[in-house]
Amino acid sequence: MDQEDSKAYFLQIYDTYVSDIYRFCVLKVSSSELAEDLTQEVFTRFWQAIREGTHMRSERALLYTIARNLVIDWYRKKKEQSLDVLSEQGFEFKGDDATDIEDSAQVKEALSVIRQLDDVSREAVLMRYVEGLSPQDIAGITGDTANAVSVRINRAMKKVRAIMHTDETHE
């Protein structure tokens, strides 16, 4: 692939996935500024992979793998910060009418419950339902089998439903 083809390919992949990668990062680090930096680093490393001629079966899986590894590295350096504190960091769900506000409250409640899951389950649920990745894509990123990912997601969602149902009965 020549330089112009490489550049066009990179820009196409960037335009397709930049919002998804940013959203993945912001959900993981709860800081829009840090998520922007991590997203930029993901695409810098992706560009390096293109220039080195790395063969890619799935650009999406590679981008999420890079993003996931960068987030893990960041957390190793910053252990004192908590994971997924979106509302405390100023991440707001915007809406104009009562339905949007109710939906926003439900999303915040669901995220609060999801935060109670163990790290591996939380990551699988967010990748599946927020990022829209298939169990096969998640398996490619995490190194697990697609079956193990599906089982993890199903068990995690049962826990989420149980917690949300329990909370409703105590109100």
Protein backbone atom coordinates (compact mmCIF):
# COMPACT_ATOMS: atom_id res chain seq x y z
CA MET A 1 0.00 0.00 0.00
CA ASP A 2 1.51 3.34 -1.00
CA GLN A 3 1.49 6.46 1.19
CA GLU A 4 -1.68 7.95 -0.34
CA ASP A 5 -3.59 4.66 -0.05
CA SER A 6 -2.39 4.26 3.54
CA LYS A 7 -3.54 7.78 4.39
CA ALA A 8 -6.96 7.27 2.79
CA TYR A 9 -7.36 3.92 4.56
CA PHE A 10 -6.40 5.45 7.92
CA LEU A 11 -8.81 8.37 7.48
CA GLN A 12 -11.64 6.00 6.56
CA ILE A 13 -11.03 3.87 9.67
CA TYR A 14 -10.62 6.99 11.82
CA ASP A 15 -13.93 8.47 10.62
CA THR A 16 -15.70 5.15 11.15
CA TYR A 17 -14.45 4.39 14.69
CA VAL A 18 -13.25 7.57 16.41
CA SER A 19 -16.57 8.18 18.21
CA ASP A 20 -16.82 4.56 19.35
CA ILE A 21 -13.26 4.50 20.67
CA TYR A 22 -13.72 7.85 22.43
CA ARG A 23 -16.95 6.63 24.07
CA PHE A 24 -15.24 3.40 25.15
CA CYS A 25 -12.40 5.40 26.70
CA VAL A 26 -14.63 7.93 28.45
CA LEU A 27 -16.69 5.13 29.98
CA LYS A 28 -13.50 3.55 31.27
CA VAL A 29 -11.67 6.62 32.60
CA SER A 30 -14.59 8.99 33.32
CA SER A 31 -12.70 12.01 32.00
CA SER A 32 -13.42 13.54 28.61
CA GLU A 33 -9.96 15.14 28.41
CA LEU A 34 -8.17 11.89 29.23
CA ALA A 35 -10.46 9.98 26.87
CA GLU A 36 -9.51 12.40 24.08
CA ASP A 37 -5.81 11.83 24.82
CA LEU A 38 -6.26 8.05 24.89
CA THR A 39 -8.27 8.12 21.66
CA GLN A 40 -5.53 10.14 19.99
CA GLU A 41 -2.94 7.63 21.21
CA VAL A 42 -5.05 4.71 19.92
CA PHE A 43 -5.10 6.19 16.43
CA THR A 44 -1.41 7.13 16.60
CA ARG A 45 -0.58 3.50 17.31
CA PHE A 46 -3.01 2.36 14.61
CA TRP A 47 -1.24 4.64 12.10
CA GLN A 48 2.11 3.15 13.18
CA ALA A 49 0.70 -0.33 12.58
CA ILE A 50 -0.40 0.67 9.08
CA ARG A 51 3.01 2.17 8.28
CA GLU A 52 4.73 -0.98 9.54
CA GLY A 53 2.54 -3.07 7.23
CA THR A 54 0.81 -4.96 10.03
CA HIS A 55 -1.80 -7.33 8.62
CA MET A 56 -5.18 -6.73 10.28
CA ARG A 57 -8.09 -9.15 10.19
CA SER A 58 -10.33 -6.69 12.04
CA GLU A 59 -9.48 -3.02 12.38
CA ARG A 60 -12.24 -2.64 14.97
CA ALA A 61 -10.85 -5.40 17.19
CA LEU A 62 -7.34 -3.95 16.91
CA LEU A 63 -8.55 -0.46 17.86
CA TYR A 64 -10.45 -1.76 20.89
CA THR A 65 -7.48 -3.90 21.94
CA ILE A 66 -5.18 -0.88 21.77
CA ALA A 67 -7.71 1.25 23.69
CA ARG A 68 -8.23 -1.43 26.33
CA ASN A 69 -4.48 -1.84 26.84
CA LEU A 70 -3.97 1.93 27.12
CA VAL A 71 -6.73 2.16 29.72
CA ILE A 72 -5.21 -0.74 31.69
CA ASP A 73 -1.81 0.93 31.56
CA TRP A 74 -3.29 4.23 32.72
CA TYR A 75 -5.04 2.54 35.66
CA ARG A 76 -1.86 0.80 36.68
CA LYS A 77 -0.26 4.23 36.93
CA LYS A 78 -3.25 5.86 38.61
CA LYS A 79 -4.62 3.25 41.00
CA GLU A 80 -6.05 5.84 43.37
CA GLN A 81 -8.70 6.98 40.88
CA SER A 82 -11.96 5.06 40.78
CA LEU A 83 -13.39 3.47 37.65
CA ASP A 84 -16.52 4.66 35.87
CA VAL A 85 -17.55 7.66 37.99
CA LEU A 86 -19.22 9.39 35.07
CA SER A 87 -21.60 11.67 36.90
CA GLU A 88 -18.95 12.79 39.40
CA GLN A 89 -16.66 13.83 36.54
CA GLY A 90 -19.33 15.92 34.82
CA PHE A 91 -20.48 13.46 32.16
CA GLU A 92 -24.14 14.29 31.68
CA PHE A 93 -26.90 12.67 29.73
CA LYS A 94 -28.75 15.48 27.99
CA GLY A 95 -32.45 15.54 27.25
CA ASP A 96 -35.20 18.02 26.51
CA ASP A 97 -38.41 16.39 27.64
CA ALA A 98 -39.71 14.16 30.41
CA THR A 99 -39.07 11.00 28.41
CA ASP A 100 -35.43 11.97 27.86
CA ILE A 101 -35.05 12.79 31.56
CA GLU A 102 -36.61 9.46 32.57
CA ASP A 103 -34.41 7.61 30.07
CA SER A 104 -31.39 9.47 31.45
CA ALA A 105 -32.28 8.44 35.00
CA GLN A 106 -32.65 4.82 33.90
CA VAL A 107 -29.28 4.92 32.13
CA LYS A 108 -27.63 6.39 35.24
CA GLU A 109 -29.27 3.72 37.41
CA ALA A 110 -28.13 0.96 35.06
CA LEU A 111 -24.57 2.34 34.98
CA SER A 112 -24.59 2.52 38.76
CA VAL A 113 -25.58 -1.15 38.95
CA ILE A 114 -23.08 -2.14 36.26
CA ARG A 115 -20.32 -0.46 38.31
CA GLN A 116 -21.04 -3.00 41.06
CA LEU A 117 -20.00 -5.89 38.78
CA ASP A 118 -16.49 -7.31 38.86
CA ASP A 119 -14.06 -5.71 36.37
CA VAL A 120 -14.19 -8.49 33.77
CA SER A 121 -18.00 -8.69 33.75
CA ARG A 122 -18.38 -4.90 33.70
CA GLU A 123 -16.02 -4.63 30.74
CA ALA A 124 -17.87 -7.36 28.81
CA VAL A 125 -21.28 -5.76 29.44
CA LEU A 126 -20.08 -2.29 28.40
CA MET A 127 -18.43 -3.62 25.25
CA ARG A 128 -21.57 -5.59 24.35
CA TYR A 129 -24.33 -3.12 25.15
CA VAL A 130 -22.64 0.29 24.99
CA GLU A 131 -20.17 -0.31 22.19
CA GLY A 132 -22.32 -2.85 20.36
CA LEU A 133 -19.55 -5.41 19.96
CA SER A 134 -20.47 -9.03 19.34
CA PRO A 135 -19.26 -11.75 21.72
CA GLN A 136 -16.86 -12.82 18.96
CA ASP A 137 -15.42 -9.28 18.74
CA ILE A 138 -15.11 -9.09 22.54
CA ALA A 139 -13.38 -12.48 22.55
CA GLY A 140 -10.88 -11.19 19.99
CA ILE A 141 -10.11 -8.23 22.24
CA THR A 142 -9.95 -10.05 25.57
CA GLY A 143 -8.42 -13.32 24.42
CA ASP A 144 -11.34 -15.38 25.79
CA THR A 145 -13.58 -17.66 23.76
CA ALA A 146 -16.82 -16.25 22.35
CA ASN A 147 -18.72 -18.82 24.46
CA ALA A 148 -16.99 -17.68 27.66
CA VAL A 149 -17.81 -14.06 26.81
CA SER A 150 -21.48 -14.92 26.18
CA VAL A 151 -21.72 -16.79 29.46
CA ARG A 152 -20.05 -13.89 31.32
CA ILE A 153 -22.46 -11.37 29.77
CA ASN A 154 -25.52 -13.50 30.56
CA ARG A 155 -24.46 -14.00 34.18
CA ALA A 156 -23.64 -10.31 34.58
CA MET A 157 -27.02 -9.27 33.18
CA LYS A 158 -28.79 -11.65 35.57
CA LYS A 159 -26.94 -9.92 38.43
CA VAL A 160 -27.90 -6.49 37.06
CA ARG A 161 -31.57 -7.50 36.80
CA ALA A 162 -31.51 -8.98 40.30
CA ILE A 163 -29.94 -5.84 41.79
CA MET A 164 -32.34 -3.51 39.99
CA HIS A 165 -35.34 -5.65 40.96
CA THR A 166 -34.17 -5.75 44.60
CA ASP A 167 -33.76 -1.97 44.65
CA GLU A 168 -37.30 -1.50 43.32
CA THR A 169 -38.84 -3.64 46.08
CA HIS A 170 -37.15 -1.58 48.84
CA GLU A 171 -38.42 1.81 47.66
